[in-house]
Amino acid sequence: MIDYAAMERRLNAADEPCFRPDPFPHYVWEGILPAEALRAAAQAFPDTSAMTAKPGIPRWHSQDRGLAGPALRELCEALLGDDLAAFLGKVTGVEGLRTEPDGDWGSYRLAGHGAVHHAHVGSNRHPETGRLRRYSLFTYLSEGWRPEDGGWLELGEPVRGRSPVRILPSFGRSVLIETTARSLHGVSAVHAPAPVTRRTVTVHFWTDPAEDGAA
């Protein structure tokens, strides 16, 4: 399902580099998953009543792939595959990068009008296994998403008048961000009119505890 050739081409493209170092390492890919698969997955989210709600905010998430329809489960399984972890390990230079399909693998998320996720740095050390979360991959499934719909992924914080790096959650876009103690990120307010929702699949990539103190 994943177009590794397209990922390679974007890495080596001269016009718009996939890798961006500021404010911390991240990568932006377009069209590396079949559009028809993404459309089907977007329609296979469970009802929000079956997902975990954020109190007072129109945001829902779930790690339970059993609740998802077949197309969404298939997309999650593709993103959790060993081939992608190995590919991203080579891209980032992080040895031993892997997912946790049976643990804290990530989630699928919905966000409606008015939802916001303020800038934060997620815990990147698993409290039970001690493994380090090194990268997270966000894949966006909302077709026809416009700049005025908001919900921008924001990286970093304003510094001396500079705004955070902003990335629109365009349909078919996948964004890989480093998740370390400096990786401040959030999502701006969603302005898309109901019932349109911002749909995302997030997958985390881990390594075993690092002797060099990576965090």
N, C-alpha and C. Protein backbone atom coordinates (compact mmCIF):
# COMPACT_ATOMS: atom_id res chain seq x y z
N MET A 1 0.83 -1.21 0.00
CA MET A 1 0.00 0.00 0.00
C MET A 1 0.86 1.26 0.00
N ILE A 2 1.97 1.27 0.74
CA ILE A 2 2.80 2.45 0.85
C ILE A 2 3.74 2.54 -0.36
N ASP A 3 3.79 3.71 -0.98
CA ASP A 3 4.61 3.92 -2.17
C ASP A 3 6.00 4.38 -1.74
N TYR A 4 6.90 3.42 -1.52
CA TYR A 4 8.24 3.76 -1.05
C TYR A 4 9.04 4.48 -2.13
N ALA A 5 8.76 4.19 -3.39
CA ALA A 5 9.45 4.88 -4.47
C ALA A 5 9.13 6.37 -4.44
N ALA A 6 7.87 6.71 -4.16
CA ALA A 6 7.47 8.11 -4.06
C ALA A 6 8.14 8.77 -2.86
N MET A 7 8.28 8.03 -1.78
CA MET A 7 8.96 8.58 -0.61
C MET A 7 10.42 8.87 -0.92
N GLU A 8 11.06 7.96 -1.63
CA GLU A 8 12.46 8.15 -2.01
C GLU A 8 12.61 9.37 -2.93
N ARG A 9 11.70 9.50 -3.91
CA ARG A 9 11.78 10.63 -4.83
C ARG A 9 11.67 11.95 -4.09
N ARG A 10 10.73 12.01 -3.14
CA ARG A 10 10.55 13.26 -2.41
C ARG A 10 11.76 13.58 -1.55
N LEU A 11 12.39 12.56 -1.00
CA LEU A 11 13.60 12.80 -0.20
C LEU A 11 14.69 13.45 -1.03
N ASN A 12 14.75 13.09 -2.31
CA ASN A 12 15.82 13.56 -3.18
C ASN A 12 15.39 14.71 -4.08
N ALA A 13 14.16 15.20 -3.90
CA ALA A 13 13.66 16.28 -4.76
C ALA A 13 14.39 17.58 -4.47
N ALA A 14 14.72 18.31 -5.54
CA ALA A 14 15.46 19.56 -5.38
C ALA A 14 14.52 20.75 -5.19
N ASP A 15 13.26 20.64 -5.68
CA ASP A 15 12.38 21.80 -5.68
C ASP A 15 11.84 22.12 -4.28
N GLU A 16 11.38 21.10 -3.57
CA GLU A 16 10.83 21.32 -2.22
C GLU A 16 11.26 20.15 -1.34
N PRO A 17 12.26 20.34 -0.52
CA PRO A 17 12.80 19.22 0.24
C PRO A 17 11.78 18.62 1.21
N CYS A 18 11.80 17.31 1.29
CA CYS A 18 10.93 16.60 2.21
C CYS A 18 11.39 16.82 3.65
N PHE A 19 12.70 16.81 3.86
CA PHE A 19 13.24 16.98 5.20
C PHE A 19 13.36 18.46 5.53
N ARG A 20 12.90 18.81 6.73
CA ARG A 20 12.98 20.20 7.19
C ARG A 20 13.53 20.20 8.62
N PRO A 21 14.63 20.90 8.86
CA PRO A 21 15.29 20.81 10.15
C PRO A 21 14.71 21.68 11.25
N ASP A 22 13.95 22.71 10.88
CA ASP A 22 13.47 23.68 11.86
C ASP A 22 11.95 23.58 12.05
N PRO A 23 11.48 23.77 13.27
CA PRO A 23 12.21 24.07 14.51
C PRO A 23 12.83 22.83 15.15
N PHE A 24 12.49 21.65 14.62
CA PHE A 24 13.13 20.39 14.97
C PHE A 24 12.90 19.46 13.78
N PRO A 25 13.65 18.39 13.65
CA PRO A 25 13.56 17.58 12.43
C PRO A 25 12.15 17.05 12.15
N HIS A 26 11.70 17.25 10.92
CA HIS A 26 10.43 16.69 10.47
C HIS A 26 10.46 16.52 8.95
N TYR A 27 9.59 15.67 8.46
CA TYR A 27 9.52 15.31 7.05
C TYR A 27 8.07 15.44 6.59
N VAL A 28 7.88 15.89 5.37
CA VAL A 28 6.53 16.02 4.81
C VAL A 28 6.47 15.28 3.48
N TRP A 29 5.56 14.30 3.41
CA TRP A 29 5.35 13.54 2.18
C TRP A 29 3.93 13.74 1.67
N GLU A 30 3.79 13.68 0.35
CA GLU A 30 2.48 13.78 -0.30
C GLU A 30 2.22 12.52 -1.11
N GLY A 31 1.00 12.02 -1.04
CA GLY A 31 0.57 10.97 -1.95
C GLY A 31 1.31 9.67 -1.87
N ILE A 32 1.77 9.28 -0.69
CA ILE A 32 2.50 8.01 -0.58
C ILE A 32 1.56 6.84 -0.28
N LEU A 33 0.28 7.14 -0.12
CA LEU A 33 -0.74 6.12 0.09
C LEU A 33 -1.84 6.31 -0.94
N PRO A 34 -2.45 5.23 -1.43
CA PRO A 34 -3.47 5.36 -2.47
C PRO A 34 -4.66 6.19 -1.99
N ALA A 35 -5.08 7.13 -2.83
CA ALA A 35 -6.18 8.01 -2.46
C ALA A 35 -7.45 7.22 -2.15
N GLU A 36 -7.70 6.17 -2.92
CA GLU A 36 -8.92 5.39 -2.70
C GLU A 36 -8.89 4.69 -1.36
N ALA A 37 -7.70 4.25 -0.94
CA ALA A 37 -7.57 3.60 0.36
C ALA A 37 -7.81 4.60 1.49
N LEU A 38 -7.32 5.83 1.32
CA LEU A 38 -7.53 6.86 2.32
C LEU A 38 -9.00 7.26 2.40
N ARG A 39 -9.66 7.36 1.26
CA ARG A 39 -11.09 7.70 1.27
C ARG A 39 -11.89 6.63 2.00
N ALA A 40 -11.57 5.38 1.70
CA ALA A 40 -12.29 4.28 2.35
C ALA A 40 -12.02 4.28 3.85
N ALA A 41 -10.77 4.53 4.24
CA ALA A 41 -10.43 4.56 5.66
C ALA A 41 -11.14 5.70 6.38
N ALA A 42 -11.26 6.85 5.71
CA ALA A 42 -11.94 7.99 6.32
C ALA A 42 -13.40 7.68 6.61
N GLN A 43 -13.99 6.83 5.80
CA GLN A 43 -15.39 6.45 6.01
C GLN A 43 -15.55 5.31 7.00
N ALA A 44 -14.44 4.74 7.45
CA ALA A 44 -14.48 3.55 8.31
C ALA A 44 -14.19 3.87 9.77
N PHE A 45 -14.19 5.16 10.13
CA PHE A 45 -14.07 5.51 11.54
C PHE A 45 -15.31 5.05 12.29
N PRO A 46 -15.17 4.58 13.52
CA PRO A 46 -16.35 4.21 14.29
C PRO A 46 -17.13 5.45 14.70
N ASP A 47 -18.34 5.25 15.17
CA ASP A 47 -19.13 6.36 15.70
C ASP A 47 -18.40 6.98 16.89
N THR A 48 -18.53 8.29 17.04
CA THR A 48 -17.82 8.95 18.14
C THR A 48 -18.24 8.42 19.51
N SER A 49 -19.43 7.85 19.60
CA SER A 49 -19.89 7.30 20.89
C SER A 49 -19.02 6.13 21.34
N ALA A 50 -18.30 5.50 20.40
CA ALA A 50 -17.44 4.37 20.74
C ALA A 50 -16.00 4.80 20.99
N MET A 51 -15.70 6.09 20.76
CA MET A 51 -14.35 6.59 20.92
C MET A 51 -14.23 7.36 22.23
N THR A 52 -13.01 7.67 22.63
CA THR A 52 -12.76 8.44 23.84
C THR A 52 -12.88 9.92 23.52
N ALA A 53 -13.73 10.61 24.26
CA ALA A 53 -13.96 12.03 24.02
C ALA A 53 -13.09 12.90 24.91
N LYS A 54 -12.73 14.07 24.42
CA LYS A 54 -12.05 15.08 25.22
C LYS A 54 -13.13 15.96 25.85
N PRO A 55 -13.27 15.97 27.15
CA PRO A 55 -14.36 16.72 27.79
C PRO A 55 -14.39 18.19 27.38
N GLY A 56 -15.55 18.61 26.91
CA GLY A 56 -15.74 20.01 26.56
C GLY A 56 -15.16 20.43 25.24
N ILE A 57 -14.51 19.51 24.52
CA ILE A 57 -13.88 19.83 23.23
C ILE A 57 -14.32 18.76 22.22
N PRO A 58 -14.73 19.16 21.01
CA PRO A 58 -15.15 18.17 20.01
C PRO A 58 -13.96 17.42 19.41
N ARG A 59 -13.32 16.59 20.25
CA ARG A 59 -12.18 15.78 19.84
C ARG A 59 -12.38 14.37 20.36
N TRP A 60 -12.11 13.38 19.50
CA TRP A 60 -12.27 11.98 19.88
C TRP A 60 -11.08 11.18 19.37
N HIS A 61 -10.69 10.14 20.11
CA HIS A 61 -9.60 9.29 19.65
C HIS A 61 -9.83 7.87 20.14
N SER A 62 -9.11 6.94 19.53
CA SER A 62 -9.16 5.55 19.96
C SER A 62 -7.90 4.83 19.49
N GLN A 63 -7.43 3.91 20.33
CA GLN A 63 -6.36 3.00 19.94
C GLN A 63 -6.91 1.62 19.57
N ASP A 64 -8.20 1.43 19.72
CA ASP A 64 -8.81 0.12 19.50
C ASP A 64 -9.07 -0.09 18.02
N ARG A 65 -8.18 -0.82 17.36
CA ARG A 65 -8.36 -1.05 15.93
C ARG A 65 -9.53 -1.98 15.65
N GLY A 66 -9.96 -2.71 16.68
CA GLY A 66 -11.12 -3.58 16.51
C GLY A 66 -12.41 -2.83 16.31
N LEU A 67 -12.47 -1.57 16.75
CA LEU A 67 -13.67 -0.75 16.56
C LEU A 67 -13.76 -0.18 15.15
N ALA A 68 -12.61 -0.09 14.48
CA ALA A 68 -12.54 0.53 13.16
C ALA A 68 -13.09 -0.40 12.09
N GLY A 69 -13.60 0.20 11.01
CA GLY A 69 -14.01 -0.58 9.87
C GLY A 69 -12.82 -1.19 9.16
N PRO A 70 -13.04 -2.16 8.27
CA PRO A 70 -11.93 -2.88 7.62
C PRO A 70 -10.92 -1.97 6.93
N ALA A 71 -11.39 -0.94 6.24
CA ALA A 71 -10.46 -0.08 5.49
C ALA A 71 -9.56 0.72 6.42
N LEU A 72 -10.09 1.16 7.55
CA LEU A 72 -9.27 1.89 8.51
C LEU A 72 -8.28 0.95 9.19
N ARG A 73 -8.73 -0.26 9.51
CA ARG A 73 -7.82 -1.24 10.10
C ARG A 73 -6.69 -1.57 9.14
N GLU A 74 -7.00 -1.71 7.87
CA GLU A 74 -5.98 -2.04 6.87
C GLU A 74 -4.95 -0.91 6.77
N LEU A 75 -5.41 0.33 6.81
CA LEU A 75 -4.49 1.45 6.76
C LEU A 75 -3.57 1.45 7.99
N CYS A 76 -4.16 1.25 9.16
CA CYS A 76 -3.35 1.22 10.38
C CYS A 76 -2.31 0.11 10.33
N GLU A 77 -2.71 -1.06 9.87
CA GLU A 77 -1.77 -2.18 9.81
C GLU A 77 -0.63 -1.90 8.84
N ALA A 78 -0.94 -1.23 7.72
CA ALA A 78 0.12 -0.90 6.76
C ALA A 78 1.13 0.05 7.39
N LEU A 79 0.64 1.04 8.14
CA LEU A 79 1.53 2.01 8.77
C LEU A 79 2.31 1.41 9.93
N LEU A 80 1.81 0.32 10.49
CA LEU A 80 2.49 -0.34 11.61
C LEU A 80 3.46 -1.43 11.15
N GLY A 81 3.58 -1.62 9.85
CA GLY A 81 4.40 -2.70 9.34
C GLY A 81 5.90 -2.50 9.55
N ASP A 82 6.61 -3.61 9.62
CA ASP A 82 8.06 -3.56 9.83
C ASP A 82 8.78 -2.86 8.68
N ASP A 83 8.24 -2.97 7.46
CA ASP A 83 8.90 -2.35 6.32
C ASP A 83 8.97 -0.84 6.47
N LEU A 84 7.88 -0.22 6.92
CA LEU A 84 7.88 1.23 7.09
C LEU A 84 8.84 1.64 8.21
N ALA A 85 8.82 0.91 9.31
CA ALA A 85 9.73 1.23 10.42
C ALA A 85 11.19 1.15 9.96
N ALA A 86 11.51 0.11 9.17
CA ALA A 86 12.88 -0.04 8.67
C ALA A 86 13.24 1.09 7.72
N PHE A 87 12.31 1.46 6.85
CA PHE A 87 12.55 2.55 5.90
C PHE A 87 12.81 3.85 6.64
N LEU A 88 11.96 4.15 7.63
CA LEU A 88 12.11 5.40 8.37
C LEU A 88 13.37 5.39 9.24
N GLY A 89 13.77 4.21 9.68
CA GLY A 89 15.03 4.11 10.41
C GLY A 89 16.20 4.54 9.56
N LYS A 90 16.18 4.12 8.29
CA LYS A 90 17.25 4.52 7.37
C LYS A 90 17.18 6.02 7.06
N VAL A 91 15.96 6.52 6.87
CA VAL A 91 15.78 7.93 6.55
C VAL A 91 16.28 8.82 7.68
N THR A 92 15.93 8.47 8.91
CA THR A 92 16.25 9.32 10.06
C THR A 92 17.62 9.02 10.66
N GLY A 93 18.18 7.86 10.33
CA GLY A 93 19.45 7.46 10.91
C GLY A 93 19.31 6.89 12.31
N VAL A 94 18.08 6.57 12.72
CA VAL A 94 17.84 6.01 14.05
C VAL A 94 17.77 4.49 13.93
N GLU A 95 18.74 3.80 14.49
CA GLU A 95 18.77 2.35 14.41
C GLU A 95 17.75 1.72 15.35
N GLY A 96 17.17 0.61 14.91
CA GLY A 96 16.25 -0.14 15.76
C GLY A 96 14.88 0.48 15.89
N LEU A 97 14.51 1.37 14.99
CA LEU A 97 13.21 2.02 15.04
C LEU A 97 12.11 0.99 14.79
N ARG A 98 11.07 1.00 15.61
CA ARG A 98 9.99 0.03 15.44
C ARG A 98 8.70 0.57 16.04
N THR A 99 7.60 -0.06 15.65
CA THR A 99 6.30 0.30 16.20
C THR A 99 5.95 -0.67 17.32
N GLU A 100 4.84 -0.39 18.01
CA GLU A 100 4.33 -1.28 19.05
C GLU A 100 2.88 -1.62 18.73
N PRO A 101 2.64 -2.51 17.76
CA PRO A 101 1.27 -2.81 17.34
C PRO A 101 0.36 -3.27 18.47
N ASP A 102 0.93 -3.94 19.47
CA ASP A 102 0.12 -4.45 20.57
C ASP A 102 0.21 -3.58 21.82
N GLY A 103 0.85 -2.42 21.69
CA GLY A 103 1.00 -1.53 22.84
C GLY A 103 0.57 -0.12 22.48
N ASP A 104 1.41 0.85 22.80
CA ASP A 104 1.10 2.25 22.52
C ASP A 104 1.47 2.56 21.07
N TRP A 105 0.66 2.04 20.16
CA TRP A 105 0.99 2.13 18.74
C TRP A 105 0.72 3.51 18.15
N GLY A 106 -0.23 4.24 18.74
CA GLY A 106 -0.70 5.51 18.20
C GLY A 106 -2.20 5.58 18.38
N SER A 107 -2.91 6.14 17.40
CA SER A 107 -4.37 6.24 17.51
C SER A 107 -4.93 6.75 16.19
N TYR A 108 -6.25 6.67 16.07
CA TYR A 108 -6.95 7.40 15.01
C TYR A 108 -7.82 8.45 15.71
N ARG A 109 -7.92 9.63 15.07
CA ARG A 109 -8.49 10.79 15.75
C ARG A 109 -9.47 11.56 14.86
N LEU A 110 -10.45 12.13 15.52
CA LEU A 110 -11.41 13.03 14.88
C LEU A 110 -11.40 14.35 15.64
N ALA A 111 -11.52 15.47 14.92
CA ALA A 111 -11.63 16.78 15.56
C ALA A 111 -12.65 17.61 14.79
N GLY A 112 -13.63 18.14 15.51
CA GLY A 112 -14.69 18.92 14.88
C GLY A 112 -14.53 20.41 15.10
N HIS A 113 -15.50 21.16 14.63
CA HIS A 113 -15.47 22.61 14.70
C HIS A 113 -15.23 23.09 16.13
N GLY A 114 -14.23 23.94 16.30
CA GLY A 114 -13.90 24.47 17.62
C GLY A 114 -12.83 23.70 18.36
N ALA A 115 -12.47 22.52 17.88
CA ALA A 115 -11.44 21.73 18.55
C ALA A 115 -10.09 22.40 18.41
N VAL A 116 -9.28 22.27 19.44
CA VAL A 116 -7.92 22.79 19.42
C VAL A 116 -7.06 21.88 20.29
N HIS A 117 -5.81 21.74 19.95
CA HIS A 117 -4.88 20.97 20.76
C HIS A 117 -3.66 21.86 21.01
N HIS A 118 -3.62 22.44 22.19
CA HIS A 118 -2.59 23.44 22.48
C HIS A 118 -1.19 22.82 22.42
N ALA A 119 -0.22 23.68 22.16
CA ALA A 119 1.16 23.23 22.03
C ALA A 119 1.61 22.45 23.26
N HIS A 120 2.27 21.34 23.02
CA HIS A 120 2.68 20.46 24.10
C HIS A 120 3.89 19.63 23.66
N VAL A 121 4.54 19.06 24.61
CA VAL A 121 5.60 18.08 24.35
C VAL A 121 5.15 16.78 25.00
N GLY A 122 4.88 15.78 24.19
CA GLY A 122 4.41 14.51 24.73
C GLY A 122 5.53 13.77 25.44
N SER A 123 5.14 12.97 26.43
CA SER A 123 6.13 12.12 27.10
C SER A 123 6.71 11.16 26.08
N ASN A 124 8.03 11.11 26.00
CA ASN A 124 8.62 10.24 24.98
C ASN A 124 9.34 9.04 25.58
N ARG A 125 9.13 8.78 26.86
CA ARG A 125 9.67 7.56 27.46
C ARG A 125 8.50 6.74 28.02
N HIS A 126 8.37 5.50 27.54
CA HIS A 126 7.25 4.68 27.96
C HIS A 126 7.40 4.35 29.45
N PRO A 127 6.34 4.59 30.25
CA PRO A 127 6.47 4.41 31.70
C PRO A 127 6.68 2.96 32.14
N GLU A 128 6.30 2.00 31.28
CA GLU A 128 6.43 0.60 31.65
C GLU A 128 7.64 -0.07 31.02
N THR A 129 7.86 0.15 29.75
CA THR A 129 8.95 -0.54 29.05
C THR A 129 10.25 0.26 29.05
N GLY A 130 10.15 1.57 29.30
CA GLY A 130 11.34 2.41 29.22
C GLY A 130 11.75 2.76 27.81
N ARG A 131 11.02 2.25 26.81
CA ARG A 131 11.38 2.56 25.42
C ARG A 131 11.18 4.05 25.15
N LEU A 132 11.93 4.53 24.16
CA LEU A 132 11.87 5.94 23.78
C LEU A 132 11.03 6.11 22.52
N ARG A 133 10.08 7.02 22.58
CA ARG A 133 9.34 7.40 21.39
C ARG A 133 10.20 8.40 20.64
N ARG A 134 10.66 8.02 19.45
CA ARG A 134 11.61 8.86 18.70
C ARG A 134 10.93 9.69 17.62
N TYR A 135 9.90 9.13 16.99
CA TYR A 135 9.19 9.84 15.93
C TYR A 135 7.71 9.47 15.96
N SER A 136 6.89 10.39 15.46
CA SER A 136 5.47 10.12 15.26
C SER A 136 5.11 10.52 13.83
N LEU A 137 4.27 9.70 13.21
CA LEU A 137 3.84 9.93 11.83
C LEU A 137 2.35 10.24 11.83
N PHE A 138 1.99 11.40 11.28
CA PHE A 138 0.59 11.81 11.16
C PHE A 138 0.18 11.68 9.69
N THR A 139 -0.91 10.97 9.45
CA THR A 139 -1.45 10.84 8.09
C THR A 139 -2.86 11.41 8.09
N TYR A 140 -3.14 12.30 7.13
CA TYR A 140 -4.39 13.05 7.12
C TYR A 140 -5.36 12.52 6.08
N LEU A 141 -6.63 12.39 6.50
CA LEU A 141 -7.62 11.69 5.69
C LEU A 141 -8.82 12.54 5.31
N SER A 142 -8.82 13.84 5.59
CA SER A 142 -9.98 14.69 5.32
C SER A 142 -9.86 15.29 3.93
N GLU A 143 -10.65 14.77 3.00
CA GLU A 143 -10.57 15.23 1.61
C GLU A 143 -11.16 16.63 1.48
N GLY A 144 -10.49 17.45 0.67
CA GLY A 144 -10.99 18.80 0.41
C GLY A 144 -10.70 19.79 1.53
N TRP A 145 -9.79 19.45 2.44
CA TRP A 145 -9.48 20.36 3.55
C TRP A 145 -8.83 21.64 3.02
N ARG A 146 -9.34 22.80 3.51
CA ARG A 146 -8.89 24.10 3.01
C ARG A 146 -8.13 24.86 4.10
N PRO A 147 -7.30 25.83 3.72
CA PRO A 147 -6.61 26.62 4.74
C PRO A 147 -7.56 27.27 5.74
N GLU A 148 -8.70 27.73 5.24
CA GLU A 148 -9.66 28.39 6.14
C GLU A 148 -10.34 27.42 7.10
N ASP A 149 -10.17 26.10 6.88
CA ASP A 149 -10.73 25.11 7.80
C ASP A 149 -9.90 24.97 9.07
N GLY A 150 -8.72 25.59 9.10
CA GLY A 150 -7.89 25.56 10.30
C GLY A 150 -7.31 24.18 10.55
N GLY A 151 -7.13 23.86 11.84
CA GLY A 151 -6.58 22.56 12.20
C GLY A 151 -5.15 22.35 11.73
N TRP A 152 -4.38 23.44 11.62
CA TRP A 152 -2.99 23.35 11.16
C TRP A 152 -2.15 22.65 12.22
N LEU A 153 -1.25 21.78 11.78
CA LEU A 153 -0.22 21.25 12.66
C LEU A 153 0.80 22.36 12.85
N GLU A 154 1.08 22.70 14.12
CA GLU A 154 2.01 23.78 14.42
C GLU A 154 3.21 23.22 15.18
N LEU A 155 4.39 23.53 14.69
CA LEU A 155 5.62 23.02 15.27
C LEU A 155 6.45 24.16 15.85
N GLY A 156 6.90 24.00 17.08
CA GLY A 156 7.70 25.03 17.71
C GLY A 156 6.81 26.11 18.33
N GLU A 157 7.43 27.20 18.74
CA GLU A 157 6.72 28.30 19.38
C GLU A 157 7.24 29.62 18.83
N PRO A 158 6.45 30.68 18.98
CA PRO A 158 6.93 31.98 18.50
C PRO A 158 8.24 32.37 19.17
N VAL A 159 9.21 32.75 18.37
CA VAL A 159 10.51 33.17 18.88
C VAL A 159 10.87 34.49 18.22
N ARG A 160 11.01 35.53 19.02
CA ARG A 160 11.37 36.86 18.51
C ARG A 160 10.49 37.25 17.32
N GLY A 161 9.19 37.09 17.53
CA GLY A 161 8.24 37.52 16.52
C GLY A 161 7.95 36.50 15.43
N ARG A 162 8.69 35.40 15.39
CA ARG A 162 8.44 34.37 14.38
C ARG A 162 7.30 33.46 14.83
N SER A 163 6.45 33.09 13.90
CA SER A 163 5.35 32.18 14.20
C SER A 163 5.83 30.74 14.15
N PRO A 164 5.07 29.82 14.75
CA PRO A 164 5.42 28.40 14.61
C PRO A 164 5.37 27.97 13.14
N VAL A 165 6.10 26.92 12.82
CA VAL A 165 5.96 26.31 11.49
C VAL A 165 4.57 25.70 11.41
N ARG A 166 3.85 26.00 10.33
CA ARG A 166 2.47 25.54 10.20
C ARG A 166 2.35 24.63 8.98
N ILE A 167 1.69 23.48 9.15
CA ILE A 167 1.51 22.51 8.08
C ILE A 167 0.03 22.18 7.98
N LEU A 168 -0.55 22.40 6.81
CA LEU A 168 -1.97 22.13 6.62
C LEU A 168 -2.21 20.62 6.56
N PRO A 169 -3.25 20.12 7.23
CA PRO A 169 -3.54 18.68 7.20
C PRO A 169 -4.26 18.26 5.92
N SER A 170 -3.60 18.47 4.80
CA SER A 170 -4.20 18.17 3.49
C SER A 170 -4.39 16.67 3.31
N PHE A 171 -5.42 16.33 2.57
CA PHE A 171 -5.73 14.93 2.28
C PHE A 171 -4.52 14.25 1.64
N GLY A 172 -4.12 13.11 2.19
CA GLY A 172 -3.02 12.35 1.62
C GLY A 172 -1.65 12.79 2.08
N ARG A 173 -1.58 13.81 2.92
CA ARG A 173 -0.29 14.28 3.42
C ARG A 173 0.12 13.46 4.65
N SER A 174 1.40 13.10 4.74
CA SER A 174 1.95 12.40 5.90
C SER A 174 3.12 13.21 6.44
N VAL A 175 3.11 13.46 7.73
CA VAL A 175 4.13 14.27 8.37
C VAL A 175 4.79 13.46 9.48
N LEU A 176 6.09 13.31 9.40
CA LEU A 176 6.88 12.61 10.41
C LEU A 176 7.62 13.64 11.24
N ILE A 177 7.39 13.66 12.57
CA ILE A 177 8.08 14.61 13.42
C ILE A 177 8.91 13.89 14.47
N GLU A 178 10.05 14.47 14.78
CA GLU A 178 10.85 13.98 15.88
C GLU A 178 10.11 14.25 17.19
N THR A 179 10.17 13.32 18.13
CA THR A 179 9.47 13.49 19.41
C THR A 179 10.48 13.41 20.54
N THR A 180 11.09 14.53 20.81
CA THR A 180 12.06 14.63 21.90
C THR A 180 11.58 15.73 22.85
N ALA A 181 12.39 16.02 23.84
CA ALA A 181 12.02 17.01 24.85
C ALA A 181 11.86 18.41 24.27
N ARG A 182 12.33 18.64 23.05
CA ARG A 182 12.21 19.97 22.44
C ARG A 182 11.09 20.04 21.40
N SER A 183 10.39 18.93 21.19
CA SER A 183 9.46 18.84 20.06
C SER A 183 8.07 19.39 20.43
N LEU A 184 8.00 20.69 20.64
CA LEU A 184 6.73 21.34 20.96
C LEU A 184 5.86 21.36 19.71
N HIS A 185 4.65 20.83 19.84
CA HIS A 185 3.74 20.80 18.70
C HIS A 185 2.29 20.86 19.17
N GLY A 186 1.42 21.30 18.30
CA GLY A 186 0.00 21.40 18.63
C GLY A 186 -0.82 21.53 17.36
N VAL A 187 -2.12 21.72 17.54
CA VAL A 187 -3.04 21.86 16.40
C VAL A 187 -3.89 23.11 16.63
N SER A 188 -3.91 23.99 15.64
CA SER A 188 -4.71 25.21 15.76
C SER A 188 -6.20 24.87 15.70
N ALA A 189 -7.02 25.85 16.06
CA ALA A 189 -8.47 25.63 16.12
C ALA A 189 -9.03 25.19 14.77
N VAL A 190 -9.93 24.23 14.83
CA VAL A 190 -10.61 23.73 13.63
C VAL A 190 -11.81 24.64 13.35
N HIS A 191 -11.88 25.15 12.11
CA HIS A 191 -12.98 26.03 11.72
C HIS A 191 -13.91 25.38 10.69
N ALA A 192 -13.61 24.17 10.26
CA ALA A 192 -14.46 23.51 9.27
C ALA A 192 -15.87 23.37 9.82
N PRO A 193 -16.88 23.67 9.02
CA PRO A 193 -18.26 23.59 9.52
C PRO A 193 -18.69 22.15 9.73
N ALA A 194 -19.46 21.92 10.80
CA ALA A 194 -20.00 20.58 11.04
C ALA A 194 -20.87 20.18 9.86
N PRO A 195 -20.88 18.90 9.48
CA PRO A 195 -20.29 17.76 10.19
C PRO A 195 -18.88 17.39 9.73
N VAL A 196 -18.20 18.28 9.01
CA VAL A 196 -16.84 17.98 8.55
C VAL A 196 -15.92 17.84 9.76
N THR A 197 -15.05 16.84 9.73
CA THR A 197 -14.10 16.63 10.82
C THR A 197 -12.69 16.44 10.26
N ARG A 198 -11.73 16.80 11.07
CA ARG A 198 -10.32 16.58 10.76
C ARG A 198 -9.98 15.15 11.17
N ARG A 199 -9.56 14.32 10.21
CA ARG A 199 -9.35 12.89 10.45
C ARG A 199 -7.88 12.56 10.29
N THR A 200 -7.34 11.91 11.31
CA THR A 200 -5.90 11.64 11.35
C THR A 200 -5.64 10.24 11.87
N VAL A 201 -4.63 9.60 11.32
CA VAL A 201 -4.08 8.37 11.91
C VAL A 201 -2.66 8.69 12.33
N THR A 202 -2.36 8.43 13.61
CA THR A 202 -1.04 8.70 14.18
C THR A 202 -0.38 7.38 14.55
N VAL A 203 0.88 7.21 14.16
CA VAL A 203 1.65 6.02 14.51
C VAL A 203 2.96 6.47 15.14
N HIS A 204 3.30 5.85 16.28
CA HIS A 204 4.54 6.17 16.99
C HIS A 204 5.63 5.16 16.65
N PHE A 205 6.87 5.64 16.65
CA PHE A 205 8.03 4.80 16.38
C PHE A 205 8.99 4.89 17.55
N TRP A 206 9.43 3.73 18.04
CA TRP A 206 10.16 3.62 19.30
C TRP A 206 11.52 2.96 19.10
N THR A 207 12.39 3.19 20.07
CA THR A 207 13.62 2.41 20.18
C THR A 207 13.74 1.92 21.61
N ASP A 208 14.57 0.91 21.80
CA ASP A 208 14.86 0.45 23.16
C ASP A 208 15.62 1.55 23.89
N PRO A 209 15.62 1.52 25.24
CA PRO A 209 16.31 2.56 26.01
C PRO A 209 17.72 2.80 25.50
N ALA A 210 18.03 4.06 25.27
CA ALA A 210 19.31 4.42 24.65
C ALA A 210 20.37 4.66 25.72
N GLU A 211 21.52 4.11 25.53
CA GLU A 211 22.61 4.30 26.47
C GLU A 211 23.19 5.71 26.39
N ASP A 212 22.95 6.38 25.24
CA ASP A 212 23.53 7.71 25.09
C ASP A 212 22.63 8.79 25.66
N GLY A 213 21.52 8.38 26.28
CA GLY A 213 20.66 9.35 26.95
C GLY A 213 19.74 10.11 26.01
N ALA A 214 19.51 9.61 24.80
CA ALA A 214 18.58 10.28 23.88
C ALA A 214 17.23 10.40 24.53
N ALA A 215 16.60 11.57 24.42
CA ALA A 215 15.31 11.80 25.06
C ALA A 215 14.58 12.91 24.33
